[in-house]
């Protein structure tokens, strides 16, 4: 196969779809790229391949042995994938964790915990690098020394949001970024449905933590259902709009996710895994603080709650516990107040 023609055709697919459709029809009918593409697009492809080499980005066309089989069966499969980071092959054991950008602190903490447990069990976490649930999922997997994949709605050289440039670099060291969009492609709104089908296809199942009724996360869940994947949803507050979509998924047949073992028990490829609940993750006082903490508690209000709970501790002891929970990324301190992550 001619990589130049595939790269050129991929560019046309997103920039001149009518022209690309003609070439794709010819390829489908003849199962061959034995046709000529305008010189300007071939020259574009040459520059694209050189840029990939310079940026240490792998271009994996659909006919490459490393191209994921789960994508190859899609009717609108990507013609190629740009991959940047610590890449050897696409993982066999991966789970997508997605949800609202404007999530609650509860949703963020749940996404982090699910991804942490998945990463700790050796399962790759797939998400979309967005604010909210996505970033919590990536961070959870990374903090467990696990691997994670960020599927982008832009070129792999355009990190969106810009605030996540450092997170993207961390992902490159313990996973990779992947996109079907050419270099320089900006995160246009209509790019994300394309991205979402890749997120679901690369995963054995999709976990929706929080999602509104009309959201990209529900599009990802719909793709997963069409692809024959399991869909899990975390039950949420019925008065919270960001949980309306995830709760609706449960109503319509998604598996309610209460524990990471719900994933392992419902996906046969992961049935050999089990979250080790016997490991004491929190001390008694840490667990008490996590249960009692309401967003915006100060040191003094937390100490008062602990005292009411008949758990007398010194200021220095409480400070050590709070610092430990911050290091573990279960709480954060801002303007003198503590919040769950």
C-alpha atoms as a PDB file:
ATOM      1  CA  UNK A   1       0.000   0.000   0.000  1.00  0.00           C
ATOM      2  CA  UNK A   2       1.111   3.557  -0.630  1.00  0.00           C
ATOM      3  CA  UNK A   3       1.382   5.455   2.666  1.00  0.00           C
ATOM      4  CA  UNK A   4       1.566   8.750   0.793  1.00  0.00           C
ATOM      5  CA  UNK A   5      -1.834   8.137  -0.767  1.00  0.00           C
ATOM      6  CA  UNK A   6      -3.385   7.075   2.541  1.00  0.00           C
ATOM      7  CA  UNK A   7      -2.101  10.207   4.302  1.00  0.00           C
ATOM      8  CA  UNK A   8      -3.288  12.375   1.423  1.00  0.00           C
ATOM      9  CA  UNK A   9      -6.686  10.686   1.354  1.00  0.00           C
ATOM     10  CA  UNK A  10      -7.043  11.101   5.116  1.00  0.00           C
ATOM     11  CA  UNK A  11      -6.422  14.833   4.712  1.00  0.00           C
ATOM     12  CA  UNK A  12      -9.088  14.987   2.000  1.00  0.00           C
ATOM     13  CA  UNK A  13     -11.510  13.054   4.188  1.00  0.00           C
ATOM     14  CA  UNK A  14     -11.614  15.865   6.736  1.00  0.00           C
ATOM     15  CA  UNK A  15     -11.021  18.846   4.477  1.00  0.00           C
ATOM     16  CA  UNK A  16     -12.602  17.944   1.131  1.00  0.00           C
ATOM     17  CA  UNK A  17     -15.028  15.116   1.928  1.00  0.00           C
ATOM     18  CA  UNK A  18     -16.758  15.105  -1.495  1.00  0.00           C
ATOM     19  CA  UNK A  19     -13.453  14.576  -3.266  1.00  0.00           C
ATOM     20  CA  UNK A  20     -12.376  11.957  -0.739  1.00  0.00           C
ATOM     21  CA  UNK A  21     -15.657  10.100  -1.260  1.00  0.00           C
ATOM     22  CA  UNK A  22     -14.827   9.598  -4.939  1.00  0.00           C
ATOM     23  CA  UNK A  23     -11.435   8.091  -4.124  1.00  0.00           C
ATOM     24  CA  UNK A  24     -12.865   5.949  -1.326  1.00  0.00           C
ATOM     25  CA  UNK A  25     -15.517   4.594  -3.675  1.00  0.00           C
ATOM     26  CA  UNK A  26     -12.832   3.654  -6.180  1.00  0.00           C
ATOM     27  CA  UNK A  27     -10.761   2.013  -3.463  1.00  0.00           C
ATOM     28  CA  UNK A  28     -13.772   0.061  -2.158  1.00  0.00           C
ATOM     29  CA  UNK A  29     -14.727  -1.193  -5.614  1.00  0.00           C
ATOM     30  CA  UNK A  30     -11.193  -2.176  -6.646  1.00  0.00           C
ATOM     31  CA  UNK A  31      -9.632  -2.810  -3.214  1.00  0.00           C
ATOM     32  CA  UNK A  32      -6.627  -0.934  -4.512  1.00  0.00           C
ATOM     33  CA  UNK A  33      -4.989   2.479  -4.330  1.00  0.00           C
ATOM     34  CA  UNK A  34      -3.991   2.235  -7.983  1.00  0.00           C
ATOM     35  CA  UNK A  35      -5.205   5.698  -8.826  1.00  0.00           C
ATOM     36  CA  UNK A  36      -3.632   9.142  -8.992  1.00  0.00           C
ATOM     37  CA  UNK A  37      -4.154  11.870  -6.403  1.00  0.00           C
ATOM     38  CA  UNK A  38      -3.449  15.504  -7.197  1.00  0.00           C
ATOM     39  CA  UNK A  39       0.181  16.517  -6.755  1.00  0.00           C
ATOM     40  CA  UNK A  40      -0.579  19.125  -4.086  1.00  0.00           C
ATOM     41  CA  UNK A  41      -2.073  16.494  -1.782  1.00  0.00           C
ATOM     42  CA  UNK A  42       0.814  14.111  -2.327  1.00  0.00           C
ATOM     43  CA  UNK A  43       3.178  16.944  -1.406  1.00  0.00           C
ATOM     44  CA  UNK A  44       1.103  17.580   1.707  1.00  0.00           C
ATOM     45  CA  UNK A  45       1.461  13.904   2.614  1.00  0.00           C
ATOM     46  CA  UNK A  46       5.233  14.055   2.183  1.00  0.00           C
ATOM     47  CA  UNK A  47       5.427  17.000   4.597  1.00  0.00           C
ATOM     48  CA  UNK A  48       3.107  15.219   7.020  1.00  0.00           C
ATOM     49  CA  UNK A  49       5.297  12.107   7.120  1.00  0.00           C
ATOM     50  CA  UNK A  50       8.439  14.194   7.634  1.00  0.00           C
ATOM     51  CA  UNK A  51       6.760  16.073  10.479  1.00  0.00           C
ATOM     52  CA  UNK A  52       5.766  12.791  12.101  1.00  0.00           C
ATOM     53  CA  UNK A  53       9.390  11.672  12.050  1.00  0.00           C
ATOM     54  CA  UNK A  54      10.499  14.978  13.566  1.00  0.00           C
ATOM     55  CA  UNK A  55       7.917  14.812  16.368  1.00  0.00           C
ATOM     56  CA  UNK A  56       8.488  11.089  16.964  1.00  0.00           C
ATOM     57  CA  UNK A  57       4.898  10.324  16.007  1.00  0.00           C
ATOM     58  CA  UNK A  58       3.972   6.986  14.475  1.00  0.00           C
ATOM     59  CA  UNK A  59       1.537   6.940  11.567  1.00  0.00           C
ATOM     60  CA  UNK A  60      -0.327   3.637  11.502  1.00  0.00           C
ATOM     61  CA  UNK A  61      -2.400   3.093   8.339  1.00  0.00           C
ATOM     62  CA  UNK A  62      -5.398   0.759   8.314  1.00  0.00           C
ATOM     63  CA  UNK A  63      -3.434  -2.037   6.646  1.00  0.00           C
ATOM     64  CA  UNK A  64      -0.615  -2.037   9.224  1.00  0.00           C
ATOM     65  CA  UNK A  65      -0.393  -5.078  11.506  1.00  0.00           C
ATOM     66  CA  UNK A  66      -0.419  -2.747  14.531  1.00  0.00           C
ATOM     67  CA  UNK A  67      -3.695  -1.147  13.488  1.00  0.00           C
ATOM     68  CA  UNK A  68      -6.296  -2.279  16.083  1.00  0.00           C
ATOM     69  CA  UNK A  69      -8.678  -4.975  14.871  1.00  0.00           C
ATOM     70  CA  UNK A  70     -11.548  -3.380  16.801  1.00  0.00           C
ATOM     71  CA  UNK A  71     -11.292  -0.339  14.528  1.00  0.00           C
ATOM     72  CA  UNK A  72     -10.837  -2.298  11.312  1.00  0.00           C
ATOM     73  CA  UNK A  73     -14.391  -3.675  11.506  1.00  0.00           C
ATOM     74  CA  UNK A  74     -16.015  -0.233  11.696  1.00  0.00           C
ATOM     75  CA  UNK A  75     -17.844   0.945   8.596  1.00  0.00           C
ATOM     76  CA  UNK A  76     -16.252   4.365   8.944  1.00  0.00           C
ATOM     77  CA  UNK A  77     -12.916   3.120  10.232  1.00  0.00           C
ATOM     78  CA  UNK A  78     -10.058   5.634  10.431  1.00  0.00           C
ATOM     79  CA  UNK A  79      -7.774   5.423   7.417  1.00  0.00           C
ATOM     80  CA  UNK A  80      -4.852   5.892   9.739  1.00  0.00           C
ATOM     81  CA  UNK A  81      -3.909   6.750  13.298  1.00  0.00           C
ATOM     82  CA  UNK A  82      -1.329   9.201  14.572  1.00  0.00           C
ATOM     83  CA  UNK A  83       0.220   7.869  17.801  1.00  0.00           C
ATOM     84  CA  UNK A  84       2.525   9.803  20.112  1.00  0.00           C
ATOM     85  CA  UNK A  85       4.078   8.422  23.272  1.00  0.00           C
ATOM     86  CA  UNK A  86       5.174   5.118  24.746  1.00  0.00           C
ATOM     87  CA  UNK A  87       3.644   2.926  22.076  1.00  0.00           C
ATOM     88  CA  UNK A  88       4.375  -0.689  21.234  1.00  0.00           C
ATOM     89  CA  UNK A  89       0.894  -1.920  20.412  1.00  0.00           C
ATOM     90  CA  UNK A  90      -2.729  -1.236  21.262  1.00  0.00           C
ATOM     91  CA  UNK A  91      -3.737  -2.999  24.512  1.00  0.00           C
ATOM     92  CA  UNK A  92      -6.081  -5.975  24.603  1.00  0.00           C
ATOM     93  CA  UNK A  93      -7.348  -5.060  28.066  1.00  0.00           C
ATOM     94  CA  UNK A  94      -8.665  -1.495  28.102  1.00  0.00           C
ATOM     95  CA  UNK A  95     -11.692   0.255  29.598  1.00  0.00           C
ATOM     96  CA  UNK A  96     -12.979   3.714  28.706  1.00  0.00           C
ATOM     97  CA  UNK A  97     -13.897   6.092  31.533  1.00  0.00           C
ATOM     98  CA  UNK A  98     -15.773   9.162  30.317  1.00  0.00           C
ATOM     99  CA  UNK A  99     -18.154  11.821  31.551  1.00  0.00           C
ATOM    100  CA  UNK A 100     -19.032  15.450  31.920  1.00  0.00           C
ATOM    101  CA  UNK A 101     -16.545  18.296  31.700  1.00  0.00           C
ATOM    102  CA  UNK A 102     -18.646  20.165  34.284  1.00  0.00           C
ATOM    103  CA  UNK A 103     -18.791  17.298  36.725  1.00  0.00           C
ATOM    104  CA  UNK A 104     -19.360  17.377  40.462  1.00  0.00           C
ATOM    105  CA  UNK A 105     -16.544  16.757  42.937  1.00  0.00           C
ATOM    106  CA  UNK A 106     -18.239  13.450  43.674  1.00  0.00           C
ATOM    107  CA  UNK A 107     -18.086  12.459  40.018  1.00  0.00           C
ATOM    108  CA  UNK A 108     -14.456  13.472  39.756  1.00  0.00           C
ATOM    109  CA  UNK A 109     -13.486  11.445  42.832  1.00  0.00           C
ATOM    110  CA  UNK A 110     -15.382   8.391  41.559  1.00  0.00           C
ATOM    111  CA  UNK A 111     -13.750   8.608  38.119  1.00  0.00           C
ATOM    112  CA  UNK A 112     -10.329   8.898  39.737  1.00  0.00           C
ATOM    113  CA  UNK A 113     -10.984   5.894  42.011  1.00  0.00           C
ATOM    114  CA  UNK A 114     -12.307   3.685  39.197  1.00  0.00           C
ATOM    115  CA  UNK A 115      -9.335   4.529  36.980  1.00  0.00           C
ATOM    116  CA  UNK A 116      -6.917   4.056  39.876  1.00  0.00           C
ATOM    117  CA  UNK A 117      -8.290   0.580  40.538  1.00  0.00           C
ATOM    118  CA  UNK A 118      -8.268  -0.309  36.837  1.00  0.00           C
ATOM    119  CA  UNK A 119      -4.716   0.956  36.370  1.00  0.00           C
ATOM    120  CA  UNK A 120      -3.558  -0.870  39.480  1.00  0.00           C
ATOM    121  CA  UNK A 121      -5.021  -4.093  38.090  1.00  0.00           C
ATOM    122  CA  UNK A 122      -3.130  -3.671  34.820  1.00  0.00           C
ATOM    123  CA  UNK A 123      -6.068  -2.460  32.726  1.00  0.00           C
ATOM    124  CA  UNK A 124      -5.392   0.464  30.385  1.00  0.00           C
ATOM    125  CA  UNK A 125      -7.720   3.435  30.909  1.00  0.00           C
ATOM    126  CA  UNK A 126      -8.978   5.191  27.762  1.00  0.00           C
ATOM    127  CA  UNK A 127     -10.433   8.694  27.834  1.00  0.00           C
ATOM    128  CA  UNK A 128     -10.491  11.981  25.952  1.00  0.00           C
ATOM    129  CA  UNK A 129      -8.172  14.408  27.827  1.00  0.00           C
ATOM    130  CA  UNK A 130     -11.044  16.824  28.505  1.00  0.00           C
ATOM    131  CA  UNK A 131     -11.723  18.708  31.724  1.00  0.00           C
ATOM    132  CA  UNK A 132     -13.627  16.965  34.496  1.00  0.00           C
ATOM    133  CA  UNK A 133     -14.158  13.221  34.362  1.00  0.00           C
ATOM    134  CA  UNK A 134     -11.616  12.604  31.570  1.00  0.00           C
ATOM    135  CA  UNK A 135      -8.700  14.249  33.342  1.00  0.00           C
ATOM    136  CA  UNK A 136      -9.624  12.573  36.645  1.00  0.00           C
ATOM    137  CA  UNK A 137      -9.590   9.197  34.874  1.00  0.00           C
ATOM    138  CA  UNK A 138      -6.186   9.797  33.275  1.00  0.00           C
ATOM    139  CA  UNK A 139      -4.730  10.971  36.585  1.00  0.00           C
ATOM    140  CA  UNK A 140      -6.157   8.018  38.473  1.00  0.00           C
ATOM    141  CA  UNK A 141      -4.548   5.519  36.119  1.00  0.00           C
ATOM    142  CA  UNK A 142      -1.221   7.376  36.175  1.00  0.00           C
ATOM    143  CA  UNK A 143      -1.146   7.604  39.976  1.00  0.00           C
ATOM    144  CA  UNK A 144      -1.620   3.829  40.135  1.00  0.00           C
ATOM    145  CA  UNK A 145       1.421   3.454  37.852  1.00  0.00           C
ATOM    146  CA  UNK A 146      -0.962   2.193  35.191  1.00  0.00           C
ATOM    147  CA  UNK A 147      -1.228   3.012  31.510  1.00  0.00           C
ATOM    148  CA  UNK A 148      -3.688   5.355  29.876  1.00  0.00           C
ATOM    149  CA  UNK A 149      -4.613   6.431  26.341  1.00  0.00           C
ATOM    150  CA  UNK A 150      -5.912   9.872  25.404  1.00  0.00           C
ATOM    151  CA  UNK A 151      -7.948   9.971  22.187  1.00  0.00           C
ATOM    152  CA  UNK A 152      -7.953  13.491  20.777  1.00  0.00           C
ATOM    153  CA  UNK A 153     -10.426  15.491  18.732  1.00  0.00           C
ATOM    154  CA  UNK A 154      -7.508  17.407  17.233  1.00  0.00           C
ATOM    155  CA  UNK A 155      -4.107  16.627  15.787  1.00  0.00           C
ATOM    156  CA  UNK A 156      -1.696  15.027  18.261  1.00  0.00           C
ATOM    157  CA  UNK A 157       0.377  18.214  18.065  1.00  0.00           C
ATOM    158  CA  UNK A 158      -2.565  20.333  19.277  1.00  0.00           C
ATOM    159  CA  UNK A 159      -3.299  19.686  22.945  1.00  0.00           C
ATOM    160  CA  UNK A 160      -6.787  20.744  24.010  1.00  0.00           C
ATOM    161  CA  UNK A 161      -7.436  22.116  26.511  1.00  0.00           C
ATOM    162  CA  UNK A 162      -4.065  23.875  26.733  1.00  0.00           C
ATOM    163  CA  UNK A 163      -4.151  23.493  30.528  1.00  0.00           C
ATOM    164  CA  UNK A 164      -3.604  19.766  29.983  1.00  0.00           C
ATOM    165  CA  UNK A 165      -0.244  20.016  28.221  1.00  0.00           C
ATOM    166  CA  UNK A 166       1.558  18.671  31.307  1.00  0.00           C
ATOM    167  CA  UNK A 167      -1.013  15.900  31.692  1.00  0.00           C
ATOM    168  CA  UNK A 168      -0.511  14.976  28.027  1.00  0.00           C
ATOM    169  CA  UNK A 169       3.255  14.704  28.627  1.00  0.00           C
ATOM    170  CA  UNK A 170       2.646  12.373  31.575  1.00  0.00           C
ATOM    171  CA  UNK A 171       0.367  10.252  29.422  1.00  0.00           C
ATOM    172  CA  UNK A 172       3.052  10.014  26.731  1.00  0.00           C
ATOM    173  CA  UNK A 173       5.395   8.476  29.325  1.00  0.00           C
ATOM    174  CA  UNK A 174       2.872   5.864  30.509  1.00  0.00           C
ATOM    175  CA  UNK A 175       0.680   5.416  27.464  1.00  0.00           C
ATOM    176  CA  UNK A 176       0.076   7.498  24.401  1.00  0.00           C
ATOM    177  CA  UNK A 177      -1.992  10.097  22.574  1.00  0.00           C
ATOM    178  CA  UNK A 178      -3.898   8.972  19.486  1.00  0.00           C
ATOM    179  CA  UNK A 179      -5.849  10.779  16.770  1.00  0.00           C
ATOM    180  CA  UNK A 180      -7.034  10.225  13.223  1.00  0.00           C
ATOM    181  CA  UNK A 181      -6.830  13.960  12.478  1.00  0.00           C
ATOM    182  CA  UNK A 182      -3.858  15.426  10.571  1.00  0.00           C
ATOM    183  CA  UNK A 183      -1.270  17.602  12.270  1.00  0.00           C
ATOM    184  CA  UNK A 184      -2.547  21.074  12.990  1.00  0.00           C
ATOM    185  CA  UNK A 185      -6.209  20.029  13.112  1.00  0.00           C
ATOM    186  CA  UNK A 186      -7.963  22.151  15.719  1.00  0.00           C
ATOM    187  CA  UNK A 187     -10.579  20.754  18.134  1.00  0.00           C
ATOM    188  CA  UNK A 188     -13.675  21.688  16.150  1.00  0.00           C
ATOM    189  CA  UNK A 189     -17.022  20.691  17.645  1.00  0.00           C
ATOM    190  CA  UNK A 190     -17.860  18.170  14.924  1.00  0.00           C
ATOM    191  CA  UNK A 191     -14.539  16.367  15.451  1.00  0.00           C
ATOM    192  CA  UNK A 192     -15.565  14.889  18.775  1.00  0.00           C
ATOM    193  CA  UNK A 193     -18.151  12.348  17.562  1.00  0.00           C
ATOM    194  CA  UNK A 194     -15.337  10.934  15.393  1.00  0.00           C
ATOM    195  CA  UNK A 195     -13.112  10.770  18.457  1.00  0.00           C
ATOM    196  CA  UNK A 196     -15.805   9.143  20.589  1.00  0.00           C
ATOM    197  CA  UNK A 197     -16.201   6.117  18.319  1.00  0.00           C
ATOM    198  CA  UNK A 198     -12.457   5.464  18.667  1.00  0.00           C
ATOM    199  CA  UNK A 199     -12.634   5.717  22.464  1.00  0.00           C
ATOM    200  CA  UNK A 200     -15.304   3.021  22.592  1.00  0.00           C
ATOM    201  CA  UNK A 201     -13.742   0.827  19.904  1.00  0.00           C
ATOM    202  CA  UNK A 202     -10.370   0.668  21.677  1.00  0.00           C
ATOM    203  CA  UNK A 203     -12.080  -0.472  24.881  1.00  0.00           C
ATOM    204  CA  UNK A 204     -13.728  -3.659  26.101  1.00  0.00           C
ATOM    205  CA  UNK A 205     -16.349  -1.562  27.838  1.00  0.00           C
ATOM    206  CA  UNK A 206     -17.308   2.041  28.563  1.00  0.00           C
ATOM    207  CA  UNK A 207     -17.880   3.546  32.002  1.00  0.00           C
ATOM    208  CA  UNK A 208     -19.977   6.728  32.075  1.00  0.00           C
ATOM    209  CA  UNK A 209     -19.501   8.481  35.401  1.00  0.00           C
ATOM    210  CA  UNK A 210     -21.565  11.634  34.937  1.00  0.00           C
ATOM    211  CA  UNK A 211     -23.218  12.850  31.753  1.00  0.00           C
ATOM    212  CA  UNK A 212     -25.977  15.203  30.755  1.00  0.00           C
ATOM    213  CA  UNK A 213     -28.847  13.979  28.588  1.00  0.00           C
ATOM    214  CA  UNK A 214     -27.246  15.483  25.483  1.00  0.00           C
ATOM    215  CA  UNK A 215     -23.524  14.904  25.748  1.00  0.00           C
ATOM    216  CA  UNK A 216     -20.511  13.418  24.022  1.00  0.00           C
ATOM    217  CA  UNK A 217     -20.330  10.737  26.705  1.00  0.00           C
ATOM    218  CA  UNK A 218     -23.730   9.390  25.673  1.00  0.00           C
ATOM    219  CA  UNK A 219     -22.522   9.375  22.061  1.00  0.00           C
ATOM    220  CA  UNK A 220     -19.566   7.265  23.229  1.00  0.00           C
ATOM    221  CA  UNK A 221     -21.970   4.939  25.049  1.00  0.00           C
ATOM    222  CA  UNK A 222     -24.135   4.661  21.914  1.00  0.00           C
ATOM    223  CA  UNK A 223     -21.065   3.741  19.844  1.00  0.00           C
ATOM    224  CA  UNK A 224     -20.176   1.125  22.448  1.00  0.00           C
ATOM    225  CA  UNK A 225     -23.628  -0.438  22.253  1.00  0.00           C
ATOM    226  CA  UNK A 226     -23.449  -0.522  18.447  1.00  0.00           C
ATOM    227  CA  UNK A 227     -20.018  -2.140  18.703  1.00  0.00           C
ATOM    228  CA  UNK A 228     -21.315  -4.804  21.089  1.00  0.00           C
ATOM    229  CA  UNK A 229     -19.470  -3.466  24.122  1.00  0.00           C
ATOM    230  CA  UNK A 230     -20.661  -3.406  27.724  1.00  0.00           C
ATOM    231  CA  UNK A 231     -21.787  -0.023  29.044  1.00  0.00           C
ATOM    232  CA  UNK A 232     -21.549   0.813  32.746  1.00  0.00           C
ATOM    233  CA  UNK A 233     -22.926   3.904  34.460  1.00  0.00           C
ATOM    234  CA  UNK A 234     -22.322   5.281  37.932  1.00  0.00           C
ATOM    235  CA  UNK A 235     -25.590   6.098  39.742  1.00  0.00           C
ATOM    236  CA  UNK A 236     -25.802   9.815  40.452  1.00  0.00           C
ATOM    237  CA  UNK A 237     -27.866  12.410  42.255  1.00  0.00           C
ATOM    238  CA  UNK A 238     -31.233  12.585  40.448  1.00  0.00           C
ATOM    239  CA  UNK A 239     -31.385  16.355  41.035  1.00  0.00           C
ATOM    240  CA  UNK A 240     -28.025  16.936  39.342  1.00  0.00           C
ATOM    241  CA  UNK A 241     -28.314  17.630  35.575  1.00  0.00           C
ATOM    242  CA  UNK A 242     -24.847  16.164  35.000  1.00  0.00           C
ATOM    243  CA  UNK A 243     -26.152  12.795  36.233  1.00  0.00           C
ATOM    244  CA  UNK A 244     -29.334  12.802  34.148  1.00  0.00           C
ATOM    245  CA  UNK A 245     -27.701  11.038  31.205  1.00  0.00           C
ATOM    246  CA  UNK A 246     -25.830   8.428  33.230  1.00  0.00           C
ATOM    247  CA  UNK A 247     -28.938   7.651  35.285  1.00  0.00           C
ATOM    248  CA  UNK A 248     -30.926   7.328  32.048  1.00  0.00           C
ATOM    249  CA  UNK A 249     -28.379   4.803  30.788  1.00  0.00           C
ATOM    250  CA  UNK A 250     -29.042   2.663  33.866  1.00  0.00           C
ATOM    251  CA  UNK A 251     -32.786   2.965  33.313  1.00  0.00           C
ATOM    252  CA  UNK A 252     -32.307   1.805  29.738  1.00  0.00           C
ATOM    253  CA  UNK A 253     -30.180  -1.205  30.580  1.00  0.00           C
ATOM    254  CA  UNK A 254     -26.621  -0.107  31.359  1.00  0.00           C
ATOM    255  CA  UNK A 255     -24.931  -1.956  34.214  1.00  0.00           C
ATOM    256  CA  UNK A 256     -24.915   0.109  37.442  1.00  0.00           C
ATOM    257  CA  UNK A 257     -21.308   0.499  38.539  1.00  0.00           C
ATOM    258  CA  UNK A 258     -20.812   0.374  42.296  1.00  0.00           C
ATOM    259  CA  UNK A 259     -17.347  -1.140  42.351  1.00  0.00           C
ATOM    260  CA  UNK A 260     -14.562  -1.879  39.881  1.00  0.00           C
ATOM    261  CA  UNK A 261     -15.309  -5.582  40.351  1.00  0.00           C
ATOM    262  CA  UNK A 262     -18.605  -4.952  38.533  1.00  0.00           C
ATOM    263  CA  UNK A 263     -16.439  -4.434  35.449  1.00  0.00           C
ATOM    264  CA  UNK A 264     -14.320  -7.518  36.013  1.00  0.00           C
ATOM    265  CA  UNK A 265     -17.380  -9.692  36.639  1.00  0.00           C
ATOM    266  CA  UNK A 266     -19.235  -8.571  33.508  1.00  0.00           C
ATOM    267  CA  UNK A 267     -16.437  -8.576  30.927  1.00  0.00           C
ATOM    268  CA  UNK A 268     -15.155 -12.072  30.291  1.00  0.00           C
ATOM    269  CA  UNK A 269     -11.759 -10.879  29.069  1.00  0.00           C
ATOM    270  CA  UNK A 270     -11.204  -9.331  32.510  1.00  0.00           C
ATOM    271  CA  UNK A 271     -12.790 -12.080  34.608  1.00  0.00           C
ATOM    272  CA  UNK A 272      -9.351 -13.195  35.823  1.00  0.00           C
ATOM    273  CA  UNK A 273      -8.891  -9.844  37.578  1.00  0.00           C
ATOM    274  CA  UNK A 274     -10.168  -8.822  40.955  1.00  0.00           C
ATOM    275  CA  UNK A 275      -9.792  -5.665  42.992  1.00  0.00           C
ATOM    276  CA  UNK A 276      -8.048  -6.528  46.227  1.00  0.00           C
ATOM    277  CA  UNK A 277     -10.508  -5.259  48.814  1.00  0.00           C
ATOM    278  CA  UNK A 278      -8.508  -6.900  51.594  1.00  0.00           C
ATOM    279  CA  UNK A 279      -5.747  -4.318  51.317  1.00  0.00           C
ATOM    280  CA  UNK A 280      -6.390  -1.614  53.907  1.00  0.00           C
ATOM    281  CA  UNK A 281      -6.196   1.482  51.745  1.00  0.00           C
ATOM    282  CA  UNK A 282      -7.142   4.015  54.440  1.00  0.00           C
ATOM    283  CA  UNK A 283      -6.480   4.258  58.129  1.00  0.00           C
ATOM    284  CA  UNK A 284      -9.481   4.579  60.442  1.00  0.00           C
ATOM    285  CA  UNK A 285      -9.021   8.330  60.795  1.00  0.00           C
ATOM    286  CA  UNK A 286      -8.537   8.788  57.016  1.00  0.00           C
ATOM    287  CA  UNK A 287     -11.753   6.919  56.313  1.00  0.00           C
ATOM    288  CA  UNK A 288     -13.595   9.005  58.919  1.00  0.00           C
ATOM    289  CA  UNK A 289     -12.413  12.254  57.308  1.00  0.00           C
ATOM    290  CA  UNK A 290     -13.379  11.101  53.807  1.00  0.00           C
ATOM    291  CA  UNK A 291     -16.855  10.152  55.028  1.00  0.00           C
ATOM    292  CA  UNK A 292     -17.323  13.368  57.009  1.00  0.00           C
ATOM    293  CA  UNK A 293     -15.717  15.863  54.647  1.00  0.00           C
ATOM    294  CA  UNK A 294     -18.067  18.302  52.973  1.00  0.00           C
ATOM    295  CA  UNK A 295     -16.590  20.524  50.292  1.00  0.00           C
ATOM    296  CA  UNK A 296     -15.323  23.691  51.909  1.00  0.00           C
ATOM    297  CA  UNK A 297     -14.519  22.305  55.378  1.00  0.00           C
ATOM    298  CA  UNK A 298     -11.739  24.099  57.223  1.00  0.00           C
ATOM    299  CA  UNK A 299      -9.174  22.489  59.497  1.00  0.00           C
ATOM    300  CA  UNK A 300     -11.194  23.605  62.542  1.00  0.00           C
ATOM    301  CA  UNK A 301     -14.538  22.268  61.255  1.00  0.00           C
ATOM    302  CA  UNK A 302     -12.928  18.928  60.459  1.00  0.00           C
ATOM    303  CA  UNK A 303     -11.402  18.771  63.925  1.00  0.00           C
ATOM    304  CA  UNK A 304     -14.802  19.533  65.447  1.00  0.00           C
ATOM    305  CA  UNK A 305     -16.418  16.724  63.431  1.00  0.00           C
ATOM    306  CA  UNK A 306     -13.740  14.304  64.572  1.00  0.00           C
ATOM    307  CA  UNK A 307     -14.246  15.360  68.187  1.00  0.00           C
ATOM    308  CA  UNK A 308     -18.010  14.840  67.881  1.00  0.00           C
ATOM    309  CA  UNK A 309     -17.199  11.401  66.499  1.00  0.00           C
ATOM    310  CA  UNK A 310     -15.264  10.676  69.723  1.00  0.00           C
ATOM    311  CA  UNK A 311     -11.978  10.511  67.839  1.00  0.00           C
ATOM    312  CA  UNK A 312      -9.704  12.894  69.705  1.00  0.00           C
ATOM    313  CA  UNK A 313      -6.576  13.831  67.812  1.00  0.00           C
ATOM    314  CA  UNK A 314      -3.895  16.451  68.182  1.00  0.00           C
ATOM    315  CA  UNK A 315      -3.631  19.260  65.648  1.00  0.00           C
ATOM    316  CA  UNK A 316      -0.305  17.866  64.456  1.00  0.00           C
ATOM    317  CA  UNK A 317      -1.802  14.388  64.007  1.00  0.00           C
ATOM    318  CA  UNK A 318      -4.730  15.738  61.999  1.00  0.00           C
ATOM    319  CA  UNK A 319      -2.383  17.767  59.815  1.00  0.00           C
ATOM    320  CA  UNK A 320      -0.353  14.638  59.014  1.00  0.00           C
ATOM    321  CA  UNK A 321      -3.523  12.754  58.023  1.00  0.00           C
ATOM    322  CA  UNK A 322      -4.789  15.586  55.823  1.00  0.00           C
ATOM    323  CA  UNK A 323      -1.397  15.886  54.138  1.00  0.00           C
ATOM    324  CA  UNK A 324      -1.398  12.136  53.497  1.00  0.00           C
ATOM    325  CA  UNK A 325      -4.824  12.330  51.817  1.00  0.00           C
ATOM    326  CA  UNK A 326      -3.619  15.255  49.697  1.00  0.00           C
ATOM    327  CA  UNK A 327      -0.585  13.272  48.546  1.00  0.00           C
ATOM    328  CA  UNK A 328      -2.860  10.350  47.672  1.00  0.00           C
ATOM    329  CA  UNK A 329      -4.982  12.826  45.653  1.00  0.00           C
ATOM    330  CA  UNK A 330      -8.208  12.112  47.529  1.00  0.00           C
ATOM    331  CA  UNK A 331      -8.562  15.655  48.830  1.00  0.00           C
ATOM    332  CA  UNK A 332      -7.122  19.050  47.943  1.00  0.00           C
ATOM    333  CA  UNK A 333      -6.631  22.275  49.866  1.00  0.00           C
ATOM    334  CA  UNK A 334      -7.579  25.643  48.441  1.00  0.00           C
ATOM    335  CA  UNK A 335      -7.814  28.991  50.235  1.00  0.00           C
ATOM    336  CA  UNK A 336      -7.559  27.259  53.586  1.00  0.00           C
ATOM    337  CA  UNK A 337     -10.415  24.843  52.895  1.00  0.00           C
ATOM    338  CA  UNK A 338     -10.398  21.134  52.046  1.00  0.00           C
ATOM    339  CA  UNK A 339     -12.239  19.520  49.136  1.00  0.00           C
ATOM    340  CA  UNK A 340     -12.694  15.985  47.861  1.00  0.00           C
ATOM    341  CA  UNK A 341     -11.132  15.368  44.468  1.00  0.00           C
END
